[in-house]
């Protein structure tokens, strides 16, 4: 929560004053069945199509909604 702000105000950045190694963001396609890993600057590290079992679709959608509008969602948006 708070990662969609600039600068990010999530626990890693505020409480621990650290950068993140990566964030996993689900791509907002029809099934939310692809993901990207991005670094603390929002740059693509990797992308993938996971195999079953996937997390619940609602959890994947909420993951994206938390990231939406942030530098972390830019790559996921471009692949949607």
PDB file of N, CA and C in Angstrom:
ATOM      1  N   UNK A   1       0.843  -1.173   0.000  1.00  0.00           N
ATOM      2  CA  UNK A   1       0.000   0.000   0.000  1.00  0.00           C
ATOM      3  C   UNK A   1       0.893   1.243   0.000  1.00  0.00           C
ATOM      4  N   UNK A   2       0.541   2.181  -0.824  1.00  0.00           N
ATOM      5  CA  UNK A   2       1.302   3.414  -0.888  1.00  0.00           C
ATOM      6  C   UNK A   2       2.367   3.436  -1.960  1.00  0.00           C
ATOM      7  N   UNK A   3       2.535   2.309  -2.668  1.00  0.00           N
ATOM      8  CA  UNK A   3       3.583   2.272  -3.692  1.00  0.00           C
ATOM      9  C   UNK A   3       3.180   3.061  -4.936  1.00  0.00           C
ATOM     10  N   UNK A   4       1.898   3.426  -5.056  1.00  0.00           N
ATOM     11  CA  UNK A   4       1.458   4.168  -6.230  1.00  0.00           C
ATOM     12  C   UNK A   4       1.685   5.671  -6.091  1.00  0.00           C
ATOM     13  N   UNK A   5       2.299   6.098  -5.001  1.00  0.00           N
ATOM     14  CA  UNK A   5       2.612   7.509  -4.797  1.00  0.00           C
ATOM     15  C   UNK A   5       4.046   7.781  -5.223  1.00  0.00           C
ATOM     16  N   UNK A   6       4.339   9.048  -5.464  1.00  0.00           N
ATOM     17  CA  UNK A   6       5.689   9.412  -5.874  1.00  0.00           C
ATOM     18  C   UNK A   6       6.201  10.504  -4.937  1.00  0.00           C
ATOM     19  N   UNK A   7       7.137  10.234  -4.078  1.00  0.00           N
ATOM     20  CA  UNK A   7       7.864   8.978  -3.940  1.00  0.00           C
ATOM     21  C   UNK A   7       6.991   7.920  -3.264  1.00  0.00           C
ATOM     22  N   UNK A   8       7.334   6.646  -3.443  1.00  0.00           N
ATOM     23  CA  UNK A   8       6.548   5.576  -2.843  1.00  0.00           C
ATOM     24  C   UNK A   8       6.471   5.737  -1.320  1.00  0.00           C
ATOM     25  N   UNK A   9       5.308   5.420  -0.772  1.00  0.00           N
ATOM     26  CA  UNK A   9       5.159   5.530   0.684  1.00  0.00           C
ATOM     27  C   UNK A   9       4.723   4.203   1.283  1.00  0.00           C
ATOM     28  N   UNK A  10       5.261   3.113   0.741  1.00  0.00           N
ATOM     29  CA  UNK A  10       4.972   1.789   1.291  1.00  0.00           C
ATOM     30  C   UNK A  10       5.908   1.511   2.464  1.00  0.00           C
ATOM     31  N   UNK A  11       5.705   0.399   3.133  1.00  0.00           N
ATOM     32  CA  UNK A  11       6.480   0.061   4.329  1.00  0.00           C
ATOM     33  C   UNK A  11       7.976   0.018   4.045  1.00  0.00           C
ATOM     34  N   UNK A  12       8.359  -0.582   2.932  1.00  0.00           N
ATOM     35  CA  UNK A  12       9.789  -0.695   2.631  1.00  0.00           C
ATOM     36  C   UNK A  12      10.453   0.679   2.564  1.00  0.00           C
ATOM     37  N   UNK A  13       9.789   1.614   1.896  1.00  0.00           N
ATOM     38  CA  UNK A  13      10.392   2.929   1.696  1.00  0.00           C
ATOM     39  C   UNK A  13      10.278   3.834   2.921  1.00  0.00           C
ATOM     40  N   UNK A  14       9.164   3.787   3.622  1.00  0.00           N
ATOM     41  CA  UNK A  14       8.941   4.713   4.734  1.00  0.00           C
ATOM     42  C   UNK A  14       9.509   4.176   6.047  1.00  0.00           C
ATOM     43  N   UNK A  15       9.048   3.016   6.460  1.00  0.00           N
ATOM     44  CA  UNK A  15       9.446   2.501   7.767  1.00  0.00           C
ATOM     45  C   UNK A  15      10.901   2.045   7.789  1.00  0.00           C
ATOM     46  N   UNK A  16      11.319   1.349   6.726  1.00  0.00           N
ATOM     47  CA  UNK A  16      12.675   0.799   6.710  1.00  0.00           C
ATOM     48  C   UNK A  16      13.659   1.627   5.901  1.00  0.00           C
ATOM     49  N   UNK A  17      13.152   2.644   5.186  1.00  0.00           N
ATOM     50  CA  UNK A  17      13.995   3.517   4.360  1.00  0.00           C
ATOM     51  C   UNK A  17      14.896   2.713   3.424  1.00  0.00           C
ATOM     52  N   UNK A  18      14.276   1.727   2.780  1.00  0.00           N
ATOM     53  CA  UNK A  18      15.042   0.869   1.876  1.00  0.00           C
ATOM     54  C   UNK A  18      14.442   0.891   0.478  1.00  0.00           C
ATOM     55  N   UNK A  19      15.216   0.432  -0.434  1.00  0.00           N
ATOM     56  CA  UNK A  19      14.744   0.233  -1.800  1.00  0.00           C
ATOM     57  C   UNK A  19      14.300  -1.218  -1.893  1.00  0.00           C
ATOM     58  N   UNK A  20      13.470  -1.500  -2.879  1.00  0.00           N
ATOM     59  CA  UNK A  20      13.024  -2.872  -3.059  1.00  0.00           C
ATOM     60  C   UNK A  20      13.891  -3.561  -4.097  1.00  0.00           C
ATOM     61  N   UNK A  21      14.027  -4.868  -3.984  1.00  0.00           N
ATOM     62  CA  UNK A  21      14.769  -5.633  -4.991  1.00  0.00           C
ATOM     63  C   UNK A  21      13.901  -5.795  -6.221  1.00  0.00           C
ATOM     64  N   UNK A  22      12.621  -6.107  -6.028  1.00  0.00           N
ATOM     65  CA  UNK A  22      11.684  -6.222  -7.144  1.00  0.00           C
ATOM     66  C   UNK A  22      10.262  -6.194  -6.622  1.00  0.00           C
ATOM     67  N   UNK A  23       9.344  -5.881  -7.527  1.00  0.00           N
ATOM     68  CA  UNK A  23       7.906  -6.002  -7.274  1.00  0.00           C
ATOM     69  C   UNK A  23       7.338  -6.879  -8.368  1.00  0.00           C
ATOM     70  N   UNK A  24       6.427  -7.760  -7.995  1.00  0.00           N
ATOM     71  CA  UNK A  24       5.690  -8.557  -8.961  1.00  0.00           C
ATOM     72  C   UNK A  24       4.379  -7.835  -9.210  1.00  0.00           C
ATOM     73  N   UNK A  25       4.084  -7.552 -10.485  1.00  0.00           N
ATOM     74  CA  UNK A  25       2.845  -6.875 -10.863  1.00  0.00           C
ATOM     75  C   UNK A  25       2.138  -7.722 -11.913  1.00  0.00           C
ATOM     76  N   UNK A  26       0.883  -8.055 -11.651  1.00  0.00           N
ATOM     77  CA  UNK A  26       0.093  -8.813 -12.626  1.00  0.00           C
ATOM     78  C   UNK A  26      -0.307  -7.889 -13.753  1.00  0.00           C
ATOM     79  N   UNK A  27      -0.226  -8.383 -14.980  1.00  0.00           N
ATOM     80  CA  UNK A  27      -0.579  -7.612 -16.178  1.00  0.00           C
ATOM     81  C   UNK A  27      -2.099  -7.559 -16.288  1.00  0.00           C
ATOM     82  N   UNK A  28      -2.671  -6.348 -16.474  1.00  0.00           N
ATOM     83  CA  UNK A  28      -4.127  -6.218 -16.534  1.00  0.00           C
ATOM     84  C   UNK A  28      -4.711  -6.621 -17.895  1.00  0.00           C
ATOM     85  N   UNK A  29      -4.452  -7.863 -18.291  1.00  0.00           N
ATOM     86  CA  UNK A  29      -5.071  -8.378 -19.514  1.00  0.00           C
ATOM     87  C   UNK A  29      -6.407  -9.011 -19.133  1.00  0.00           C
ATOM     88  N   UNK A  30      -7.049  -9.696 -20.049  1.00  0.00           N
ATOM     89  CA  UNK A  30      -8.389 -10.244 -19.797  1.00  0.00           C
ATOM     90  C   UNK A  30      -8.430 -11.199 -18.609  1.00  0.00           C
ATOM     91  N   UNK A  31      -7.366 -11.953 -18.388  1.00  0.00           N
ATOM     92  CA  UNK A  31      -7.368 -12.959 -17.326  1.00  0.00           C
ATOM     93  C   UNK A  31      -6.373 -12.689 -16.199  1.00  0.00           C
ATOM     94  N   UNK A  32      -5.646 -11.597 -16.295  1.00  0.00           N
ATOM     95  CA  UNK A  32      -4.604 -11.318 -15.291  1.00  0.00           C
ATOM     96  C   UNK A  32      -3.729 -12.553 -15.092  1.00  0.00           C
ATOM     97  N   UNK A  33      -3.287 -13.129 -16.209  1.00  0.00           N
ATOM     98  CA  UNK A  33      -2.547 -14.392 -16.133  1.00  0.00           C
ATOM     99  C   UNK A  33      -1.083 -14.275 -16.557  1.00  0.00           C
ATOM    100  N   UNK A  34      -0.586 -13.053 -16.624  1.00  0.00           N
ATOM    101  CA  UNK A  34       0.831 -12.796 -16.896  1.00  0.00           C
ATOM    102  C   UNK A  34       1.327 -11.829 -15.836  1.00  0.00           C
ATOM    103  N   UNK A  35       2.620 -11.828 -15.591  1.00  0.00           N
ATOM    104  CA  UNK A  35       3.161 -10.905 -14.606  1.00  0.00           C
ATOM    105  C   UNK A  35       4.493 -10.351 -15.070  1.00  0.00           C
ATOM    106  N   UNK A  36       4.892  -9.266 -14.433  1.00  0.00           N
ATOM    107  CA  UNK A  36       6.213  -8.684 -14.654  1.00  0.00           C
ATOM    108  C   UNK A  36       6.877  -8.511 -13.299  1.00  0.00           C
ATOM    109  N   UNK A  37       8.187  -8.562 -13.300  1.00  0.00           N
ATOM    110  CA  UNK A  37       8.984  -8.192 -12.143  1.00  0.00           C
ATOM    111  C   UNK A  37       9.701  -6.904 -12.514  1.00  0.00           C
ATOM    112  N   UNK A  38       9.563  -5.889 -11.678  1.00  0.00           N
ATOM    113  CA  UNK A  38      10.201  -4.602 -11.937  1.00  0.00           C
ATOM    114  C   UNK A  38      11.065  -4.220 -10.747  1.00  0.00           C
ATOM    115  N   UNK A  39      12.096  -3.439 -11.015  1.00  0.00           N
ATOM    116  CA  UNK A  39      12.984  -2.996  -9.933  1.00  0.00           C
ATOM    117  C   UNK A  39      12.411  -1.739  -9.265  1.00  0.00           C
ATOM    118  N   UNK A  40      13.161  -1.146  -8.363  1.00  0.00           N
ATOM    119  CA  UNK A  40      12.672   0.003  -7.608  1.00  0.00           C
ATOM    120  C   UNK A  40      12.459   1.231  -8.482  1.00  0.00           C
ATOM    121  N   UNK A  41      13.033   1.246  -9.665  1.00  0.00           N
ATOM    122  CA  UNK A  41      12.812   2.346 -10.601  1.00  0.00           C
ATOM    123  C   UNK A  41      11.685   2.049 -11.584  1.00  0.00           C
ATOM    124  N   UNK A  42      11.077   0.865 -11.477  1.00  0.00           N
ATOM    125  CA  UNK A  42      10.001   0.480 -12.386  1.00  0.00           C
ATOM    126  C   UNK A  42      10.488  -0.127 -13.687  1.00  0.00           C
ATOM    127  N   UNK A  43      11.770  -0.456 -13.766  1.00  0.00           N
ATOM    128  CA  UNK A  43      12.326  -1.051 -14.985  1.00  0.00           C
ATOM    129  C   UNK A  43      12.120  -2.560 -14.976  1.00  0.00           C
ATOM    130  N   UNK A  44      11.828  -3.092 -16.139  1.00  0.00           N
ATOM    131  CA  UNK A  44      11.554  -4.521 -16.291  1.00  0.00           C
ATOM    132  C   UNK A  44      12.780  -5.364 -15.953  1.00  0.00           C
ATOM    133  N   UNK A  45      12.580  -6.336 -15.080  1.00  0.00           N
ATOM    134  CA  UNK A  45      13.612  -7.321 -14.764  1.00  0.00           C
ATOM    135  C   UNK A  45      13.302  -8.643 -15.448  1.00  0.00           C
ATOM    136  N   UNK A  46      12.019  -9.023 -15.455  1.00  0.00           N
ATOM    137  CA  UNK A  46      11.594 -10.290 -16.056  1.00  0.00           C
ATOM    138  C   UNK A  46      10.088 -10.246 -16.251  1.00  0.00           C
ATOM    139  N   UNK A  47       9.601 -11.135 -17.102  1.00  0.00           N
ATOM    140  CA  UNK A  47       8.160 -11.292 -17.286  1.00  0.00           C
ATOM    141  C   UNK A  47       7.867 -12.771 -17.416  1.00  0.00           C
ATOM    142  N   UNK A  48       6.639 -13.145 -17.115  1.00  0.00           N
ATOM    143  CA  UNK A  48       6.338 -14.562 -17.159  1.00  0.00           C
ATOM    144  C   UNK A  48       4.862 -14.874 -17.292  1.00  0.00           C
ATOM    145  N   UNK A  49       4.631 -16.131 -17.649  1.00  0.00           N
ATOM    146  CA  UNK A  49       3.299 -16.725 -17.720  1.00  0.00           C
ATOM    147  C   UNK A  49       3.320 -17.906 -16.765  1.00  0.00           C
ATOM    148  N   UNK A  50       2.851 -17.734 -15.550  1.00  0.00           N
ATOM    149  CA  UNK A  50       2.948 -18.805 -14.572  1.00  0.00           C
ATOM    150  C   UNK A  50       2.049 -19.987 -14.904  1.00  0.00           C
ATOM    151  N   UNK A  51       2.399 -21.121 -14.339  1.00  0.00           N
ATOM    152  CA  UNK A  51       1.559 -22.307 -14.503  1.00  0.00           C
ATOM    153  C   UNK A  51       0.646 -22.437 -13.289  1.00  0.00           C
ATOM    154  N   UNK A  52      -0.334 -23.276 -13.413  1.00  0.00           N
ATOM    155  CA  UNK A  52      -1.293 -23.501 -12.321  1.00  0.00           C
ATOM    156  C   UNK A  52      -0.578 -24.068 -11.110  1.00  0.00           C
ATOM    157  N   UNK A  53      -1.035 -23.855  -9.922  1.00  0.00           N
ATOM    158  CA  UNK A  53      -2.200 -23.026  -9.597  1.00  0.00           C
ATOM    159  C   UNK A  53      -1.801 -21.559  -9.441  1.00  0.00           C
ATOM    160  N   UNK A  54      -2.608 -20.684  -9.985  1.00  0.00           N
ATOM    161  CA  UNK A  54      -2.412 -19.248  -9.852  1.00  0.00           C
ATOM    162  C   UNK A  54      -3.074 -18.764  -8.568  1.00  0.00           C
ATOM    163  N   UNK A  55      -2.613 -17.647  -8.040  1.00  0.00           N
ATOM    164  CA  UNK A  55      -3.379 -17.039  -6.946  1.00  0.00           C
ATOM    165  C   UNK A  55      -4.793 -16.727  -7.452  1.00  0.00           C
ATOM    166  N   UNK A  56      -5.719 -16.568  -6.552  1.00  0.00           N
ATOM    167  CA  UNK A  56      -7.091 -16.235  -6.914  1.00  0.00           C
ATOM    168  C   UNK A  56      -7.104 -15.011  -7.825  1.00  0.00           C
ATOM    169  N   UNK A  57      -7.975 -15.015  -8.828  1.00  0.00           N
ATOM    170  CA  UNK A  57      -8.038 -13.913  -9.782  1.00  0.00           C
ATOM    171  C   UNK A  57      -8.252 -12.580  -9.070  1.00  0.00           C
ATOM    172  N   UNK A  58      -9.105 -12.551  -8.062  1.00  0.00           N
ATOM    173  CA  UNK A  58      -9.371 -11.312  -7.328  1.00  0.00           C
ATOM    174  C   UNK A  58      -8.090 -10.783  -6.683  1.00  0.00           C
ATOM    175  N   UNK A  59      -7.257 -11.653  -6.167  1.00  0.00           N
ATOM    176  CA  UNK A  59      -5.988 -11.229  -5.577  1.00  0.00           C
ATOM    177  C   UNK A  59      -5.067 -10.643  -6.635  1.00  0.00           C
ATOM    178  N   UNK A  60      -5.058 -11.257  -7.819  1.00  0.00           N
ATOM    179  CA  UNK A  60      -4.223 -10.737  -8.911  1.00  0.00           C
ATOM    180  C   UNK A  60      -4.716  -9.359  -9.345  1.00  0.00           C
ATOM    181  N   UNK A  61      -6.039  -9.187  -9.440  1.00  0.00           N
ATOM    182  CA  UNK A  61      -6.596  -7.886  -9.817  1.00  0.00           C
ATOM    183  C   UNK A  61      -6.281  -6.826  -8.768  1.00  0.00           C
ATOM    184  N   UNK A  62      -6.415  -7.187  -7.496  1.00  0.00           N
ATOM    185  CA  UNK A  62      -6.134  -6.222  -6.432  1.00  0.00           C
ATOM    186  C   UNK A  62      -4.654  -5.840  -6.412  1.00  0.00           C
ATOM    187  N   UNK A  63      -3.775  -6.802  -6.696  1.00  0.00           N
ATOM    188  CA  UNK A  63      -2.349  -6.492  -6.795  1.00  0.00           C
ATOM    189  C   UNK A  63      -2.133  -5.401  -7.831  1.00  0.00           C
ATOM    190  N   UNK A  64      -2.759  -5.565  -9.001  1.00  0.00           N
ATOM    191  CA  UNK A  64      -2.589  -4.557 -10.038  1.00  0.00           C
ATOM    192  C   UNK A  64      -3.202  -3.224  -9.604  1.00  0.00           C
ATOM    193  N   UNK A  65      -4.390  -3.255  -9.010  1.00  0.00           N
ATOM    194  CA  UNK A  65      -5.064  -2.015  -8.608  1.00  0.00           C
ATOM    195  C   UNK A  65      -4.214  -1.214  -7.618  1.00  0.00           C
ATOM    196  N   UNK A  66      -3.514  -1.906  -6.727  1.00  0.00           N
ATOM    197  CA  UNK A  66      -2.634  -1.217  -5.772  1.00  0.00           C
ATOM    198  C   UNK A  66      -1.490  -0.524  -6.506  1.00  0.00           C
ATOM    199  N   UNK A  67      -1.007  -1.138  -7.582  1.00  0.00           N
ATOM    200  CA  UNK A  67       0.126  -0.595  -8.344  1.00  0.00           C
ATOM    201  C   UNK A  67      -0.298   0.422  -9.406  1.00  0.00           C
ATOM    202  N   UNK A  68      -1.565   0.370  -9.803  1.00  0.00           N
ATOM    203  CA  UNK A  68      -2.064   1.195 -10.912  1.00  0.00           C
ATOM    204  C   UNK A  68      -1.686   2.666 -10.734  1.00  0.00           C
ATOM    205  N   UNK A  69      -1.177   3.248 -11.806  1.00  0.00           N
ATOM    206  CA  UNK A  69      -0.793   4.655 -11.787  1.00  0.00           C
ATOM    207  C   UNK A  69       0.606   4.910 -11.259  1.00  0.00           C
ATOM    208  N   UNK A  70       1.283   3.861 -10.842  1.00  0.00           N
ATOM    209  CA  UNK A  70       2.635   4.036 -10.300  1.00  0.00           C
ATOM    210  C   UNK A  70       3.679   3.667 -11.350  1.00  0.00           C
ATOM    211  N   UNK A  71       4.924   3.987 -11.030  1.00  0.00           N
ATOM    212  CA  UNK A  71       6.016   3.612 -11.924  1.00  0.00           C
ATOM    213  C   UNK A  71       6.149   2.096 -12.025  1.00  0.00           C
ATOM    214  N   UNK A  72       5.657   1.379 -11.021  1.00  0.00           N
ATOM    215  CA  UNK A  72       5.742  -0.077 -11.025  1.00  0.00           C
ATOM    216  C   UNK A  72       4.768  -0.706 -12.015  1.00  0.00           C
ATOM    217  N   UNK A  73       3.681  -0.018 -12.348  1.00  0.00           N
ATOM    218  CA  UNK A  73       2.675  -0.573 -13.260  1.00  0.00           C
ATOM    219  C   UNK A  73       2.912  -0.228 -14.722  1.00  0.00           C
ATOM    220  N   UNK A  74       3.842   0.654 -15.010  1.00  0.00           N
ATOM    221  CA  UNK A  74       4.058   1.105 -16.388  1.00  0.00           C
ATOM    222  C   UNK A  74       4.341  -0.048 -17.340  1.00  0.00           C
ATOM    223  N   UNK A  75       5.242  -0.930 -16.965  1.00  0.00           N
ATOM    224  CA  UNK A  75       5.583  -2.063 -17.844  1.00  0.00           C
ATOM    225  C   UNK A  75       4.386  -2.989 -17.996  1.00  0.00           C
ATOM    226  N   UNK A  76       3.692  -3.281 -16.898  1.00  0.00           N
ATOM    227  CA  UNK A  76       2.512  -4.166 -16.958  1.00  0.00           C
ATOM    228  C   UNK A  76       1.460  -3.554 -17.877  1.00  0.00           C
ATOM    229  N   UNK A  77       1.247  -2.253 -17.786  1.00  0.00           N
ATOM    230  CA  UNK A  77       0.279  -1.584 -18.654  1.00  0.00           C
ATOM    231  C   UNK A  77       0.658  -1.734 -20.120  1.00  0.00           C
ATOM    232  N   UNK A  78       1.936  -1.650 -20.415  1.00  0.00           N
ATOM    233  CA  UNK A  78       2.377  -1.726 -21.817  1.00  0.00           C
ATOM    234  C   UNK A  78       2.192  -3.119 -22.407  1.00  0.00           C
ATOM    235  N   UNK A  79       2.073  -4.134 -21.545  1.00  0.00           N
ATOM    236  CA  UNK A  79       1.893  -5.517 -22.027  1.00  0.00           C
ATOM    237  C   UNK A  79       0.425  -5.953 -22.031  1.00  0.00           C
ATOM    238  N   UNK A  80      -0.451  -5.111 -21.518  1.00  0.00           N
ATOM    239  CA  UNK A  80      -1.885  -5.473 -21.410  1.00  0.00           C
ATOM    240  C   UNK A  80      -2.542  -5.549 -22.771  1.00  0.00           C
TER     241      UNK A  80
END
